[in-house]
C-alpha cells in the first residue's frame, strides 16, 4: 500500500514537472506582466495626483498675480503650468485667467493665443468659454465674421443662451439692431429666471426699447 502511494506521489510530481517545463515560462511571464501593470498603474495614479496638486498650487500663484494685474508674472506661471501639467484642468483655468489679465492690459495678441490654446486643448466647458471670449476679442477688433465663426464652435447646449447673447453683441456692433434684439430675446428666454446674467440681457433689451413683457408689466405696476 505504501509503495502504491509512493508511486502515485511520484507520478504527481512527474506530471507537475512536465506541466511546469511546458508552461512554467509562460506563467512566469504572465505573472511578471500583471505585477508590472499593477506597478505601472500605481505609479501613474500617484503621478497624476502629484501633477494635479502641483497645478493647483501654481494656479493659486497665478490668481495672486492676476489679482495684482501682473500680466507678465501670470504668463510666466502659466508657462510653468503648461510645461509641468499641460492636461490638468487647473492649467486650462489658468490660461483663461491669464488671457483675461492680458486682455485687461491691452495685450490682445497674447490673450488670443492663450484662449486659442484652451479652445484646442481644454474640455468642452472650458473650450466653450474660450470661444466666447475669442468672439469678444475679435469683435473688439471689428473682425465680426471671424467672431461669429467662434460662436459656431461652442459645443455644450447649456451655453446656448450665452452664445445668443454674444451674437447679439456682435450684431449690434455691426449696426444690425433688429437681429441683435432677436438674439438677446433668445438668450433671455433660455436663461433661468434666477440667473443674475439674465438681468444683464434684460438691460440690453430695455436699452434697445424691447424690454421683456414681464419686466415691463412689473415696472408699470410699480
C-alpha atoms as a PDB file:
ATOM      1  CA  UNK A   1       0.000   0.000   0.000  1.00  0.00           C
ATOM      2  CA  UNK A   2       2.815   2.345   0.960  1.00  0.00           C
ATOM      3  CA  UNK A   3       4.609   1.532  -2.259  1.00  0.00           C
ATOM      4  CA  UNK A   4       1.461   2.309  -4.253  1.00  0.00           C
ATOM      5  CA  UNK A   5       1.167   5.716  -2.550  1.00  0.00           C
ATOM      6  CA  UNK A   6       4.832   6.381  -3.311  1.00  0.00           C
ATOM      7  CA  UNK A   7       4.221   5.584  -6.977  1.00  0.00           C
ATOM      8  CA  UNK A   8       1.185   7.878  -7.081  1.00  0.00           C
ATOM      9  CA  UNK A   9       3.118  10.722  -5.446  1.00  0.00           C
ATOM     10  CA  UNK A  10       5.982  10.226  -7.889  1.00  0.00           C
ATOM     11  CA  UNK A  11       3.538  10.284 -10.809  1.00  0.00           C
ATOM     12  CA  UNK A  12       2.036  13.519  -9.495  1.00  0.00           C
ATOM     13  CA  UNK A  13       5.483  15.047  -9.088  1.00  0.00           C
ATOM     14  CA  UNK A  14       6.480  13.944 -12.582  1.00  0.00           C
ATOM     15  CA  UNK A  15       3.252  15.360 -14.001  1.00  0.00           C
ATOM     16  CA  UNK A  16       3.872  18.651 -12.195  1.00  0.00           C
ATOM     17  CA  UNK A  17       7.413  18.801 -13.521  1.00  0.00           C
ATOM     18  CA  UNK A  18       6.191  18.145 -17.037  1.00  0.00           C
ATOM     19  CA  UNK A  19       3.496  20.814 -16.700  1.00  0.00           C
ATOM     20  CA  UNK A  20       5.968  23.351 -15.361  1.00  0.00           C
ATOM     21  CA  UNK A  21       8.508  22.502 -18.046  1.00  0.00           C
ATOM     22  CA  UNK A  22       5.840  23.170 -20.679  1.00  0.00           C
ATOM     23  CA  UNK A  23       4.022  26.159 -19.178  1.00  0.00           C
ATOM     24  CA  UNK A  24       6.284  27.467 -16.424  1.00  0.00           C
ATOM     25  CA  UNK A  25       7.965  30.125 -18.561  1.00  0.00           C
ATOM     26  CA  UNK A  26       4.600  31.373 -19.827  1.00  0.00           C
ATOM     27  CA  UNK A  27       3.178  31.529 -16.307  1.00  0.00           C
ATOM     28  CA  UNK A  28       6.236  33.395 -15.042  1.00  0.00           C
ATOM     29  CA  UNK A  29       5.933  35.990 -17.813  1.00  0.00           C
ATOM     30  CA  UNK A  30       2.184  36.343 -17.230  1.00  0.00           C
ATOM     31  CA  UNK A  31       2.675  36.973 -13.519  1.00  0.00           C
ATOM     32  CA  UNK A  32       5.513  39.387 -14.268  1.00  0.00           C
ATOM     33  CA  UNK A  33       3.341  41.347 -16.707  1.00  0.00           C
ATOM     34  CA  UNK A  34       0.464  41.518 -14.214  1.00  0.00           C
ATOM     35  CA  UNK A  35       2.765  42.789 -11.498  1.00  0.00           C
ATOM     36  CA  UNK A  36       4.358  45.281 -13.894  1.00  0.00           C
ATOM     37  CA  UNK A  37       0.938  46.531 -14.985  1.00  0.00           C
ATOM     38  CA  UNK A  38      -0.137  46.973 -11.373  1.00  0.00           C
ATOM     39  CA  UNK A  39       3.065  48.803 -10.527  1.00  0.00           C
ATOM     40  CA  UNK A  40       2.642  50.997 -13.601  1.00  0.00           C
ATOM     41  CA  UNK A  41      -0.952  51.837 -12.698  1.00  0.00           C
ATOM     42  CA  UNK A  42       0.053  52.683  -9.138  1.00  0.00           C
ATOM     43  CA  UNK A  43       2.855  54.926 -10.394  1.00  0.00           C
ATOM     44  CA  UNK A  44       0.539  56.590 -12.942  1.00  0.00           C
ATOM     45  CA  UNK A  45      -2.127  57.244 -10.289  1.00  0.00           C
ATOM     46  CA  UNK A  46       0.419  58.716  -7.893  1.00  0.00           C
ATOM     47  CA  UNK A  47       1.955  60.784 -10.701  1.00  0.00           C
ATOM     48  CA  UNK A  48      -1.441  62.171 -11.767  1.00  0.00           C
ATOM     49  CA  UNK A  49      -2.208  63.077  -8.168  1.00  0.00           C
ATOM     50  CA  UNK A  50       1.130  64.846  -7.829  1.00  0.00           C
ATOM     51  CA  UNK A  51       0.622  66.694 -11.126  1.00  0.00           C
ATOM     52  CA  UNK A  52      -2.852  67.851 -10.093  1.00  0.00           C
ATOM     53  CA  UNK A  53      -1.531  69.041  -6.745  1.00  0.00           C
ATOM     54  CA  UNK A  54       1.301  70.933  -8.409  1.00  0.00           C
ATOM     55  CA  UNK A  55      -1.072  72.509 -10.935  1.00  0.00           C
ATOM     56  CA  UNK A  56      -3.400  73.561  -8.117  1.00  0.00           C
ATOM     57  CA  UNK A  57      -0.544  75.282  -6.286  1.00  0.00           C
ATOM     58  CA  UNK A  58       0.592  77.097  -9.418  1.00  0.00           C
ATOM     59  CA  UNK A  59      -2.983  78.171 -10.167  1.00  0.00           C
ATOM     60  CA  UNK A  60      -3.133  79.783  -6.732  1.00  0.00           C
ATOM     61  CA  UNK A  61       0.022  81.739  -7.574  1.00  0.00           C
ATOM     62  CA  UNK A  62      -1.447  82.749 -10.917  1.00  0.00           C
ATOM     63  CA  UNK A  63      -4.597  84.007  -9.204  1.00  0.00           C
ATOM     64  CA  UNK A  64      -2.462  86.197  -6.969  1.00  0.00           C
ATOM     65  CA  UNK A  65      -0.655  87.641  -9.995  1.00  0.00           C
ATOM     66  CA  UNK A  66      -3.944  88.214 -11.829  1.00  0.00           C
ATOM     67  CA  UNK A  67      -5.464  89.976  -8.821  1.00  0.00           C
ATOM     68  CA  UNK A  68      -2.447  92.276  -8.774  1.00  0.00           C
ATOM     69  CA  UNK A  69      -2.851  92.892 -12.516  1.00  0.00           C
ATOM     70  CA  UNK A  70       0.618  91.454 -13.164  1.00  0.00           C
ATOM     71  CA  UNK A  71       0.098  90.012 -16.649  1.00  0.00           C
ATOM     72  CA  UNK A  72       3.804  89.282 -17.101  1.00  0.00           C
ATOM     73  CA  UNK A  73       4.011  87.181 -13.936  1.00  0.00           C
ATOM     74  CA  UNK A  74       0.747  85.449 -14.792  1.00  0.00           C
ATOM     75  CA  UNK A  75       2.168  84.492 -18.191  1.00  0.00           C
ATOM     76  CA  UNK A  76       5.333  83.115 -16.576  1.00  0.00           C
ATOM     77  CA  UNK A  77       3.357  80.952 -14.151  1.00  0.00           C
ATOM     78  CA  UNK A  78       1.107  79.744 -16.962  1.00  0.00           C
ATOM     79  CA  UNK A  79       4.176  78.730 -18.960  1.00  0.00           C
ATOM     80  CA  UNK A  80       5.301  76.667 -15.988  1.00  0.00           C
ATOM     81  CA  UNK A  81       1.871  75.064 -15.731  1.00  0.00           C
ATOM     82  CA  UNK A  82       1.796  74.177 -19.420  1.00  0.00           C
ATOM     83  CA  UNK A  83       5.236  72.612 -19.092  1.00  0.00           C
ATOM     84  CA  UNK A  84       4.547  70.584 -15.951  1.00  0.00           C
ATOM     85  CA  UNK A  85       0.820  69.821 -16.225  1.00  0.00           C
ATOM     86  CA  UNK A  86      -0.415  70.523 -19.767  1.00  0.00           C
ATOM     87  CA  UNK A  87      -3.514  68.334 -19.433  1.00  0.00           C
ATOM     88  CA  UNK A  88      -4.612  69.465 -15.982  1.00  0.00           C
ATOM     89  CA  UNK A  89      -7.926  71.297 -15.652  1.00  0.00           C
ATOM     90  CA  UNK A  90      -6.181  73.874 -13.479  1.00  0.00           C
ATOM     91  CA  UNK A  91      -3.890  74.675 -16.417  1.00  0.00           C
ATOM     92  CA  UNK A  92      -6.907  75.329 -18.638  1.00  0.00           C
ATOM     93  CA  UNK A  93      -8.387  77.614 -15.981  1.00  0.00           C
ATOM     94  CA  UNK A  94      -5.003  79.276 -15.606  1.00  0.00           C
ATOM     95  CA  UNK A  95      -4.859  80.010 -19.325  1.00  0.00           C
ATOM     96  CA  UNK A  96      -8.342  81.566 -19.207  1.00  0.00           C
ATOM     97  CA  UNK A  97      -7.362  83.723 -16.248  1.00  0.00           C
ATOM     98  CA  UNK A  98      -4.044  84.762 -17.787  1.00  0.00           C
ATOM     99  CA  UNK A  99      -5.850  85.667 -21.011  1.00  0.00           C
ATOM    100  CA  UNK A 100      -8.279  87.889 -19.099  1.00  0.00           C
ATOM    101  CA  UNK A 101      -5.403  89.617 -17.327  1.00  0.00           C
ATOM    102  CA  UNK A 102      -3.610  90.169 -20.632  1.00  0.00           C
ATOM    103  CA  UNK A 103      -6.762  91.452 -22.335  1.00  0.00           C
ATOM    104  CA  UNK A 104      -7.359  93.879 -19.467  1.00  0.00           C
ATOM    105  CA  UNK A 105      -3.832  95.191 -20.025  1.00  0.00           C
ATOM    106  CA  UNK A 106      -4.486  95.651 -23.746  1.00  0.00           C
ATOM    107  CA  UNK A 107      -2.378  92.673 -24.812  1.00  0.00           C
ATOM    108  CA  UNK A 108      -4.914  91.182 -27.223  1.00  0.00           C
ATOM    109  CA  UNK A 109      -2.335  89.088 -29.083  1.00  0.00           C
ATOM    110  CA  UNK A 110      -1.183  87.059 -26.072  1.00  0.00           C
ATOM    111  CA  UNK A 111      -4.722  86.861 -24.729  1.00  0.00           C
ATOM    112  CA  UNK A 112      -5.883  85.458 -28.065  1.00  0.00           C
ATOM    113  CA  UNK A 113      -3.053  82.914 -28.102  1.00  0.00           C
ATOM    114  CA  UNK A 114      -3.937  81.615 -24.628  1.00  0.00           C
ATOM    115  CA  UNK A 115      -7.642  81.459 -25.419  1.00  0.00           C
ATOM    116  CA  UNK A 116      -6.896  79.532 -28.590  1.00  0.00           C
ATOM    117  CA  UNK A 117      -4.786  77.106 -26.572  1.00  0.00           C
ATOM    118  CA  UNK A 118      -7.744  76.410 -24.284  1.00  0.00           C
ATOM    119  CA  UNK A 119     -10.068  76.107 -27.292  1.00  0.00           C
ATOM    120  CA  UNK A 120      -7.738  73.477 -28.760  1.00  0.00           C
ATOM    121  CA  UNK A 121      -6.792  71.621 -25.571  1.00  0.00           C
ATOM    122  CA  UNK A 122      -9.499  72.216 -22.992  1.00  0.00           C
ATOM    123  CA  UNK A 123     -12.553  70.196 -22.034  1.00  0.00           C
ATOM    124  CA  UNK A 124     -15.854  71.138 -23.685  1.00  0.00           C
ATOM    125  CA  UNK A 125     -16.848  73.633 -20.987  1.00  0.00           C
ATOM    126  CA  UNK A 126     -13.527  75.474 -20.807  1.00  0.00           C
ATOM    127  CA  UNK A 127     -13.215  75.413 -24.600  1.00  0.00           C
ATOM    128  CA  UNK A 128     -16.688  76.963 -24.816  1.00  0.00           C
ATOM    129  CA  UNK A 129     -15.627  79.812 -22.528  1.00  0.00           C
ATOM    130  CA  UNK A 130     -12.516  80.311 -24.658  1.00  0.00           C
ATOM    131  CA  UNK A 131     -14.552  80.508 -27.880  1.00  0.00           C
ATOM    132  CA  UNK A 132     -16.937  83.035 -26.334  1.00  0.00           C
ATOM    133  CA  UNK A 133     -14.062  85.226 -25.185  1.00  0.00           C
ATOM    134  CA  UNK A 134     -12.304  84.881 -28.521  1.00  0.00           C
ATOM    135  CA  UNK A 135     -15.503  86.060 -30.189  1.00  0.00           C
ATOM    136  CA  UNK A 136     -15.463  89.103 -27.939  1.00  0.00           C
ATOM    137  CA  UNK A 137     -11.841  89.961 -28.720  1.00  0.00           C
ATOM    138  CA  UNK A 138     -12.399  89.507 -32.448  1.00  0.00           C
ATOM    139  CA  UNK A 139     -15.495  91.692 -32.302  1.00  0.00           C
ATOM    140  CA  UNK A 140     -13.494  94.384 -30.487  1.00  0.00           C
ATOM    141  CA  UNK A 141     -11.053  94.228 -33.408  1.00  0.00           C
ATOM    142  CA  UNK A 142     -14.051  94.580 -35.794  1.00  0.00           C
ATOM    143  CA  UNK A 143     -13.441  91.097 -37.196  1.00  0.00           C
ATOM    144  CA  UNK A 144     -17.113  90.297 -36.996  1.00  0.00           C
ATOM    145  CA  UNK A 145     -17.240  87.328 -39.366  1.00  0.00           C
ATOM    146  CA  UNK A 146     -14.403  85.622 -37.506  1.00  0.00           C
ATOM    147  CA  UNK A 147     -16.137  86.383 -34.212  1.00  0.00           C
ATOM    148  CA  UNK A 148     -19.349  84.723 -35.367  1.00  0.00           C
ATOM    149  CA  UNK A 149     -17.389  81.670 -36.504  1.00  0.00           C
ATOM    150  CA  UNK A 150     -16.121  81.228 -32.946  1.00  0.00           C
ATOM    151  CA  UNK A 151     -19.687  81.009 -31.674  1.00  0.00           C
ATOM    152  CA  UNK A 152     -20.438  78.106 -34.012  1.00  0.00           C
ATOM    153  CA  UNK A 153     -17.646  76.132 -32.325  1.00  0.00           C
ATOM    154  CA  UNK A 154     -19.254  76.207 -28.869  1.00  0.00           C
ATOM    155  CA  UNK A 155     -20.418  72.632 -28.171  1.00  0.00           C
ATOM    156  CA  UNK A 156     -22.289  72.352 -24.840  1.00  0.00           C
ATOM    157  CA  UNK A 157     -26.025  73.005 -25.217  1.00  0.00           C
ATOM    158  CA  UNK A 158     -26.031  74.696 -21.802  1.00  0.00           C
ATOM    159  CA  UNK A 159     -24.011  77.552 -23.335  1.00  0.00           C
ATOM    160  CA  UNK A 160     -26.663  78.312 -25.992  1.00  0.00           C
ATOM    161  CA  UNK A 161     -28.080  81.386 -24.168  1.00  0.00           C
ATOM    162  CA  UNK A 162     -24.594  82.837 -23.739  1.00  0.00           C
ATOM    163  CA  UNK A 163     -23.871  82.217 -27.408  1.00  0.00           C
ATOM    164  CA  UNK A 164     -27.059  84.082 -28.356  1.00  0.00           C
ATOM    165  CA  UNK A 165     -26.149  86.951 -26.051  1.00  0.00           C
ATOM    166  CA  UNK A 166     -22.680  87.259 -27.595  1.00  0.00           C
ATOM    167  CA  UNK A 167     -24.207  87.010 -31.071  1.00  0.00           C
ATOM    168  CA  UNK A 168     -26.466  89.936 -30.157  1.00  0.00           C
ATOM    169  CA  UNK A 169     -23.425  91.962 -29.080  1.00  0.00           C
ATOM    170  CA  UNK A 170     -21.698  91.295 -32.395  1.00  0.00           C
ATOM    171  CA  UNK A 171     -24.777  92.076 -34.473  1.00  0.00           C
ATOM    172  CA  UNK A 172     -25.378  95.276 -32.533  1.00  0.00           C
ATOM    173  CA  UNK A 173     -21.768  96.319 -33.163  1.00  0.00           C
ATOM    174  CA  UNK A 174     -22.485  95.805 -36.869  1.00  0.00           C
ATOM    175  CA  UNK A 175     -25.495  98.087 -36.686  1.00  0.00           C
ATOM    176  CA  UNK A 176     -27.988  95.225 -37.021  1.00  0.00           C
ATOM    177  CA  UNK A 177     -30.297  96.249 -34.180  1.00  0.00           C
ATOM    178  CA  UNK A 178     -33.273  94.060 -35.114  1.00  0.00           C
ATOM    179  CA  UNK A 179     -31.080  90.967 -35.353  1.00  0.00           C
ATOM    180  CA  UNK A 180     -29.438  91.877 -32.045  1.00  0.00           C
ATOM    181  CA  UNK A 181     -32.812  92.209 -30.310  1.00  0.00           C
ATOM    182  CA  UNK A 182     -33.842  88.809 -31.643  1.00  0.00           C
ATOM    183  CA  UNK A 183     -30.626  87.224 -30.364  1.00  0.00           C
ATOM    184  CA  UNK A 184     -30.966  88.879 -26.950  1.00  0.00           C
ATOM    185  CA  UNK A 185     -34.545  87.600 -26.646  1.00  0.00           C
ATOM    186  CA  UNK A 186     -33.367  84.058 -27.367  1.00  0.00           C
ATOM    187  CA  UNK A 187     -30.698  84.476 -24.694  1.00  0.00           C
ATOM    188  CA  UNK A 188     -33.166  85.933 -22.199  1.00  0.00           C
ATOM    189  CA  UNK A 189     -35.696  83.159 -22.717  1.00  0.00           C
ATOM    190  CA  UNK A 190     -33.010  80.498 -22.455  1.00  0.00           C
ATOM    191  CA  UNK A 191     -31.618  81.665 -19.103  1.00  0.00           C
ATOM    192  CA  UNK A 192     -33.180  80.563 -15.775  1.00  0.00           C
ATOM    193  CA  UNK A 193     -35.339  83.158 -14.030  1.00  0.00           C
ATOM    194  CA  UNK A 194     -32.917  83.141 -11.103  1.00  0.00           C
ATOM    195  CA  UNK A 195     -29.789  83.709 -13.214  1.00  0.00           C
ATOM    196  CA  UNK A 196     -28.115  87.028 -12.459  1.00  0.00           C
ATOM    197  CA  UNK A 197     -26.844  87.160 -16.025  1.00  0.00           C
ATOM    198  CA  UNK A 198     -30.453  87.359 -17.186  1.00  0.00           C
ATOM    199  CA  UNK A 199     -30.658  90.846 -15.668  1.00  0.00           C
ATOM    200  CA  UNK A 200     -27.799  91.962 -17.905  1.00  0.00           C
ATOM    201  CA  UNK A 201     -29.549  90.655 -21.013  1.00  0.00           C
ATOM    202  CA  UNK A 202     -32.773  92.310 -19.845  1.00  0.00           C
ATOM    203  CA  UNK A 203     -30.922  95.618 -19.520  1.00  0.00           C
ATOM    204  CA  UNK A 204     -29.671  95.308 -23.093  1.00  0.00           C
ATOM    205  CA  UNK A 205     -33.192  94.661 -24.386  1.00  0.00           C
ATOM    206  CA  UNK A 206     -34.583  97.557 -22.356  1.00  0.00           C
ATOM    207  CA  UNK A 207     -31.933  99.898 -23.744  1.00  0.00           C
ATOM    208  CA  UNK A 208     -32.982  98.883 -27.250  1.00  0.00           C
ATOM    209  CA  UNK A 209     -36.655  99.532 -26.496  1.00  0.00           C
ATOM    210  CA  UNK A 210     -37.549  95.836 -26.339  1.00  0.00           C
ATOM    211  CA  UNK A 211     -37.935  95.194 -22.615  1.00  0.00           C
ATOM    212  CA  UNK A 212     -39.305  91.715 -21.861  1.00  0.00           C
ATOM    213  CA  UNK A 213     -43.080  91.790 -21.315  1.00  0.00           C
ATOM    214  CA  UNK A 214     -42.892  90.513 -17.734  1.00  0.00           C
ATOM    215  CA  UNK A 215     -40.428  93.215 -16.737  1.00  0.00           C
ATOM    216  CA  UNK A 216     -42.438  95.915 -18.494  1.00  0.00           C
ATOM    217  CA  UNK A 217     -45.610  94.843 -16.692  1.00  0.00           C
ATOM    218  CA  UNK A 218     -43.803  94.797 -13.390  1.00  0.00           C
ATOM    219  CA  UNK A 219     -42.496  98.296 -13.995  1.00  0.00           C
ATOM    220  CA  UNK A 220     -45.995  99.574 -14.870  1.00  0.00           C
ATOM    221  CA  UNK A 221     -47.425  98.070 -11.678  1.00  0.00           C
ATOM    222  CA  UNK A 222     -44.895  99.955  -9.607  1.00  0.00           C
END
